[in-house]
Amino acid sequence: MSHDEKDGGFISHLTELRKRLIHSFIFLIIFFGVCYFYADNLYGFLVEPFAEAVKDDGSNRRLIFTALQETFLTYLKVSFFTAFFVTCPFILMQIWKFIAPGLYKHEKIAILPYLILTPVLFFFGGMLVYYLIMPLAIKFFLSFESTGLSTNLPIQLEAKVNEYLSLVMKLIFAFGISFQLPVVLSLLARVGVVDSEFLKKRRKYVVVIIFAAAAILTPPDPITQIGLAIPLLILYELSIFSVKIIENKNLKKTDA
């Protein structure tokens, strides 16, 4: 292959990549506009765990904002977060269309399940936050409220809408990314970086790392930290099982 042909191939790849990125960006912007149009509904969905947790406590709860632009900026963040969440499968599809032509058939078969599993695991991480972690965490934090009988100065939550929604989105993102652990370990096993014995022998170190990561990624409370650490430990054990399956398949191919 001549130098000009190599340059032409490289430029064509860059052109293709640019086209895929532009398509992804346009799709994201379109969904951002749609999400902003329904920002009030998205806000209602995200505050539902808080509303459900406090509906029977006899207090007139509310979320407040202390700056004129705070609610507007919060709606923008919620809209962008939701748009990115929705368009992730489309972005992954664009990545797949870019890399697929350069792969052999067996490589396509090997990679395609991971592209499907990635958004699915992210979605399950978000569901865990929304339906389990947030309600438990809200009740835990509200348990520290005081009626002020001993101090004549009650302690009551006046949550800011920006801080609450930022916390929810941060937890959904943290759990979604953390739930990619089986995907990462399986890919590392396919390229020969790790194996099942390696993962088993380092299980005790991984436990410490997982709890340390949970402490960094979540607020400083035991509910969210344990709520992230335990699923990650389960996913790690499932990863060992999946890596073992990959090893058995590779061994059969070698014997054949």
Protein backbone atom coordinates (compact mmCIF):
# COMPACT_ATOMS: atom_id res chain seq x y z
CA MET A 1 0.00 0.00 0.00
CA SER A 2 1.39 3.39 -1.02
CA HIS A 3 1.77 6.39 1.24
CA ASP A 4 -1.08 8.21 -0.54
CA GLU A 5 -3.39 5.22 -0.08
CA LYS A 6 -2.60 5.12 3.63
CA ASP A 7 -3.32 8.83 3.95
CA GLY A 8 -6.55 8.41 2.02
CA GLY A 9 -7.65 5.55 4.28
CA PHE A 10 -6.82 7.54 7.41
CA ILE A 11 -8.75 10.58 6.14
CA SER A 12 -11.75 8.41 5.25
CA HIS A 13 -11.74 6.98 8.77
CA LEU A 14 -11.62 10.48 10.25
CA THR A 15 -14.49 11.52 7.98
CA GLU A 16 -16.53 8.53 9.08
CA LEU A 17 -15.77 9.23 12.74
CA ARG A 18 -16.76 12.87 12.33
CA LYS A 19 -20.04 11.82 10.72
CA ARG A 20 -20.83 9.45 13.60
CA LEU A 21 -19.98 12.11 16.19
CA ILE A 22 -22.13 14.70 14.43
CA HIS A 23 -25.06 12.27 14.28
CA SER A 24 -24.69 11.52 17.99
CA PHE A 25 -24.47 15.23 18.85
CA ILE A 26 -27.55 16.09 16.77
CA PHE A 27 -29.50 13.24 18.35
CA LEU A 28 -28.44 14.43 21.81
CA ILE A 29 -29.46 18.04 21.09
CA ILE A 30 -32.86 16.94 19.74
CA PHE A 31 -33.56 14.86 22.82
CA PHE A 32 -32.29 17.66 25.04
CA GLY A 33 -34.91 19.97 23.51
CA VAL A 34 -37.63 17.36 24.00
CA CYS A 35 -36.52 16.73 27.59
CA TYR A 36 -36.45 20.45 28.37
CA PHE A 37 -40.03 20.75 27.06
CA TYR A 38 -40.99 18.07 29.61
CA ALA A 39 -38.56 19.29 32.30
CA ASP A 40 -41.36 19.79 34.80
CA ASN A 41 -42.45 16.15 34.37
CA LEU A 42 -38.87 14.95 34.72
CA TYR A 43 -38.51 17.04 37.86
CA GLY A 44 -41.67 15.43 39.25
CA PHE A 45 -40.31 11.97 38.47
CA LEU A 46 -36.96 12.61 40.17
CA VAL A 47 -38.50 14.13 43.34
CA GLU A 48 -41.01 11.28 43.68
CA PRO A 49 -38.76 9.28 46.09
CA PHE A 50 -38.56 12.34 48.36
CA ALA A 51 -42.31 12.96 48.13
CA GLU A 52 -43.10 9.32 48.92
CA ALA A 53 -40.68 9.24 51.86
CA VAL A 54 -42.17 12.31 53.56
CA LYS A 55 -45.87 12.12 52.60
CA ASP A 56 -46.96 10.56 55.93
CA ASP A 57 -44.80 12.51 58.39
CA GLY A 58 -47.37 15.26 58.97
CA SER A 59 -45.12 18.12 57.80
CA ASN A 60 -45.68 20.48 54.90
CA ARG A 61 -42.55 19.60 52.97
CA ARG A 62 -41.20 21.62 50.08
CA LEU A 63 -38.09 22.10 48.00
CA ILE A 64 -36.69 25.62 47.91
CA PHE A 65 -34.32 27.63 45.72
CA THR A 66 -32.22 30.55 46.94
CA ALA A 67 -31.06 32.08 43.67
CA LEU A 68 -33.16 33.47 40.83
CA GLN A 69 -31.49 31.28 38.19
CA GLU A 70 -31.26 28.13 40.30
CA THR A 71 -34.45 26.41 39.12
CA PHE A 72 -33.75 27.28 35.47
CA LEU A 73 -30.23 25.86 35.63
CA THR A 74 -31.51 22.81 37.47
CA TYR A 75 -34.03 22.15 34.71
CA LEU A 76 -31.21 22.42 32.17
CA LYS A 77 -29.12 19.88 34.09
CA VAL A 78 -32.03 17.50 34.47
CA SER A 79 -32.86 17.79 30.77
CA PHE A 80 -29.28 17.17 29.67
CA PHE A 81 -28.84 14.26 32.09
CA THR A 82 -32.04 12.61 30.85
CA ALA A 83 -31.16 13.25 27.20
CA PHE A 84 -27.73 11.69 27.68
CA PHE A 85 -29.27 8.72 29.50
CA VAL A 86 -31.76 8.15 26.65
CA THR A 87 -29.27 8.66 23.81
CA CYS A 88 -26.56 6.39 25.24
CA PRO A 89 -27.81 3.35 23.26
CA PHE A 90 -27.81 5.44 20.07
CA ILE A 91 -24.27 6.68 20.77
CA LEU A 92 -23.11 3.10 21.38
CA MET A 93 -24.78 2.08 18.11
CA GLN A 94 -22.83 4.81 16.28
CA ILE A 95 -19.60 3.55 17.86
CA TRP A 96 -20.50 0.04 16.75
CA LYS A 97 -21.17 1.17 13.16
CA PHE A 98 -17.76 2.87 13.11
CA ILE A 99 -15.72 -0.07 14.37
CA ALA A 100 -17.76 -2.99 12.95
CA PRO A 101 -16.45 -2.78 9.34
CA GLY A 102 -12.90 -3.36 10.58
CA LEU A 103 -13.74 -6.45 12.61
CA TYR A 104 -13.88 -10.11 11.70
CA LYS A 105 -17.15 -11.97 12.15
CA HIS A 106 -16.05 -13.70 15.37
CA GLU A 107 -14.88 -10.36 16.78
CA LYS A 108 -18.28 -8.80 16.05
CA ILE A 109 -20.01 -11.68 17.80
CA ALA A 110 -17.71 -11.24 20.81
CA ILE A 111 -18.15 -7.45 21.18
CA LEU A 112 -21.85 -7.03 20.37
CA PRO A 113 -23.14 -8.48 23.69
CA TYR A 114 -21.08 -5.92 25.62
CA LEU A 115 -22.61 -3.04 23.69
CA ILE A 116 -26.04 -4.36 24.64
CA LEU A 117 -25.12 -5.14 28.24
CA THR A 118 -23.56 -1.72 28.96
CA PRO A 119 -26.77 0.38 28.82
CA VAL A 120 -28.76 -2.44 30.46
CA LEU A 121 -26.45 -2.50 33.49
CA PHE A 122 -26.45 1.30 33.65
CA PHE A 123 -30.25 1.22 33.65
CA PHE A 124 -30.35 -1.35 36.46
CA GLY A 125 -27.95 0.80 38.50
CA GLY A 126 -30.25 3.79 38.06
CA MET A 127 -33.30 1.73 39.04
CA LEU A 128 -31.57 0.56 42.22
CA VAL A 129 -30.90 4.19 43.20
CA TYR A 130 -34.41 5.40 42.40
CA TYR A 131 -36.48 2.60 43.91
CA LEU A 132 -34.33 1.48 46.87
CA ILE A 133 -31.32 3.60 47.79
CA MET A 134 -32.87 7.08 47.68
CA PRO A 135 -36.00 6.25 49.74
CA LEU A 136 -33.87 4.56 52.41
CA ALA A 137 -31.29 7.38 52.41
CA ILE A 138 -33.98 10.09 52.68
CA LYS A 139 -35.59 8.40 55.67
CA PHE A 140 -32.16 7.96 57.27
CA PHE A 141 -31.28 11.64 56.89
CA LEU A 142 -34.72 12.80 58.05
CA SER A 143 -34.33 10.75 61.23
CA PHE A 144 -31.88 13.40 62.45
CA GLU A 145 -34.53 16.09 62.50
CA SER A 146 -35.43 17.48 65.93
CA THR A 147 -38.62 19.04 67.28
CA GLY A 148 -36.58 21.30 69.55
CA LEU A 149 -38.16 20.21 72.82
CA SER A 150 -34.82 20.26 74.62
CA THR A 151 -33.23 23.24 72.84
CA ASN A 152 -36.30 25.31 71.84
CA LEU A 153 -34.78 25.39 68.36
CA PRO A 154 -36.17 22.72 66.01
CA ILE A 155 -34.05 21.19 63.28
CA GLN A 156 -36.03 20.68 60.10
CA LEU A 157 -35.00 19.99 56.53
CA GLU A 158 -35.46 22.75 53.96
CA ALA A 159 -33.94 20.99 50.96
CA LYS A 160 -32.73 23.01 47.97
CA VAL A 161 -34.06 21.77 44.68
CA ASN A 162 -30.65 22.05 43.00
CA GLU A 163 -28.84 20.12 45.74
CA TYR A 164 -31.46 17.37 45.90
CA LEU A 165 -31.60 16.79 42.14
CA SER A 166 -27.81 16.98 41.85
CA LEU A 167 -27.56 14.28 44.52
CA VAL A 168 -30.04 12.02 42.72
CA MET A 169 -28.30 12.45 39.36
CA LYS A 170 -24.86 11.94 40.92
CA LEU A 171 -25.99 8.69 42.54
CA ILE A 172 -27.62 7.41 39.34
CA PHE A 173 -24.46 8.17 37.39
CA ALA A 174 -22.20 6.64 40.07
CA PHE A 175 -24.25 3.45 40.31
CA GLY A 176 -24.62 3.20 36.53
CA ILE A 177 -20.87 3.50 35.95
CA SER A 178 -20.05 1.14 38.83
CA PHE A 179 -22.39 -1.49 37.42
CA GLN A 180 -20.12 -1.73 34.36
CA LEU A 181 -17.72 -3.85 36.44
CA PRO A 182 -18.67 -7.19 34.79
CA VAL A 183 -18.26 -5.66 31.34
CA VAL A 184 -14.80 -4.29 32.13
CA LEU A 185 -13.54 -7.50 33.76
CA SER A 186 -14.93 -9.68 30.96
CA LEU A 187 -13.22 -7.54 28.31
CA LEU A 188 -9.95 -7.70 30.26
CA ALA A 189 -10.30 -11.47 30.41
CA ARG A 190 -10.83 -11.68 26.64
CA VAL A 191 -7.57 -9.84 25.96
CA GLY A 192 -5.72 -11.94 28.53
CA VAL A 193 -5.08 -9.27 31.18
CA VAL A 194 -6.91 -11.12 33.98
CA ASP A 195 -8.24 -14.62 34.60
CA SER A 196 -10.62 -16.20 37.12
CA GLU A 197 -7.81 -17.35 39.44
CA PHE A 198 -6.36 -13.85 39.48
CA LEU A 199 -9.75 -12.41 40.47
CA LYS A 200 -10.32 -15.07 43.15
CA LYS A 201 -6.93 -14.57 44.80
CA ARG A 202 -7.41 -10.80 44.99
CA ARG A 203 -10.98 -10.92 46.29
CA LYS A 204 -10.03 -9.58 49.75
CA TYR A 205 -8.29 -6.57 48.22
CA VAL A 206 -11.22 -5.93 45.92
CA VAL A 207 -13.60 -5.84 48.91
CA VAL A 208 -11.55 -3.01 50.43
CA ILE A 209 -11.32 -1.18 47.10
CA ILE A 210 -15.08 -1.47 46.52
CA PHE A 211 -15.97 -0.06 49.94
CA ALA A 212 -13.41 2.72 49.46
CA ALA A 213 -14.88 3.56 46.04
CA ALA A 214 -18.40 3.51 47.50
CA ALA A 215 -17.30 5.97 50.18
CA ILE A 216 -15.90 8.32 47.51
CA LEU A 217 -18.76 8.08 45.02
CA THR A 218 -21.63 8.41 47.49
CA PRO A 219 -22.57 10.82 50.30
CA PRO A 220 -21.02 10.13 53.72
CA ASP A 221 -23.78 7.90 55.02
CA PRO A 222 -23.91 4.11 55.52
CA ILE A 223 -27.11 3.59 53.51
CA THR A 224 -25.83 4.69 50.10
CA GLN A 225 -22.31 3.36 50.71
CA ILE A 226 -23.51 -0.13 51.63
CA GLY A 227 -26.18 0.10 48.93
CA LEU A 228 -23.44 0.54 46.31
CA ALA A 229 -20.83 -1.78 47.83
CA ILE A 230 -23.03 -4.88 48.19
CA PRO A 231 -24.26 -4.92 44.55
CA LEU A 232 -20.67 -4.37 43.39
CA LEU A 233 -19.49 -7.33 45.44
CA ILE A 234 -22.24 -9.46 43.89
CA LEU A 235 -21.29 -8.21 40.42
CA TYR A 236 -17.65 -9.02 41.13
CA GLU A 237 -18.56 -12.61 41.97
CA LEU A 238 -20.67 -12.81 38.81
CA SER A 239 -17.68 -11.42 36.90
CA ILE A 240 -15.50 -14.27 38.15
CA PHE A 241 -18.14 -16.71 36.90
CA SER A 242 -18.36 -15.00 33.49
CA VAL A 243 -14.56 -14.88 33.16
CA LYS A 244 -14.44 -18.61 33.90
CA ILE A 245 -16.95 -19.22 31.09
CA ILE A 246 -14.78 -17.18 28.71
CA GLU A 247 -11.72 -19.20 29.72
CA ASN A 248 -13.55 -22.49 29.08
CA LYS A 249 -14.62 -21.28 25.61
CA ASN A 250 -11.06 -20.22 24.77
CA LEU A 251 -9.75 -23.57 25.99
CA LYS A 252 -12.21 -25.45 23.76
CA LYS A 253 -11.13 -23.33 20.76
CA THR A 254 -7.47 -24.08 21.53
CA ASP A 255 -8.12 -27.83 21.81
CA ALA A 256 -10.06 -27.79 18.56
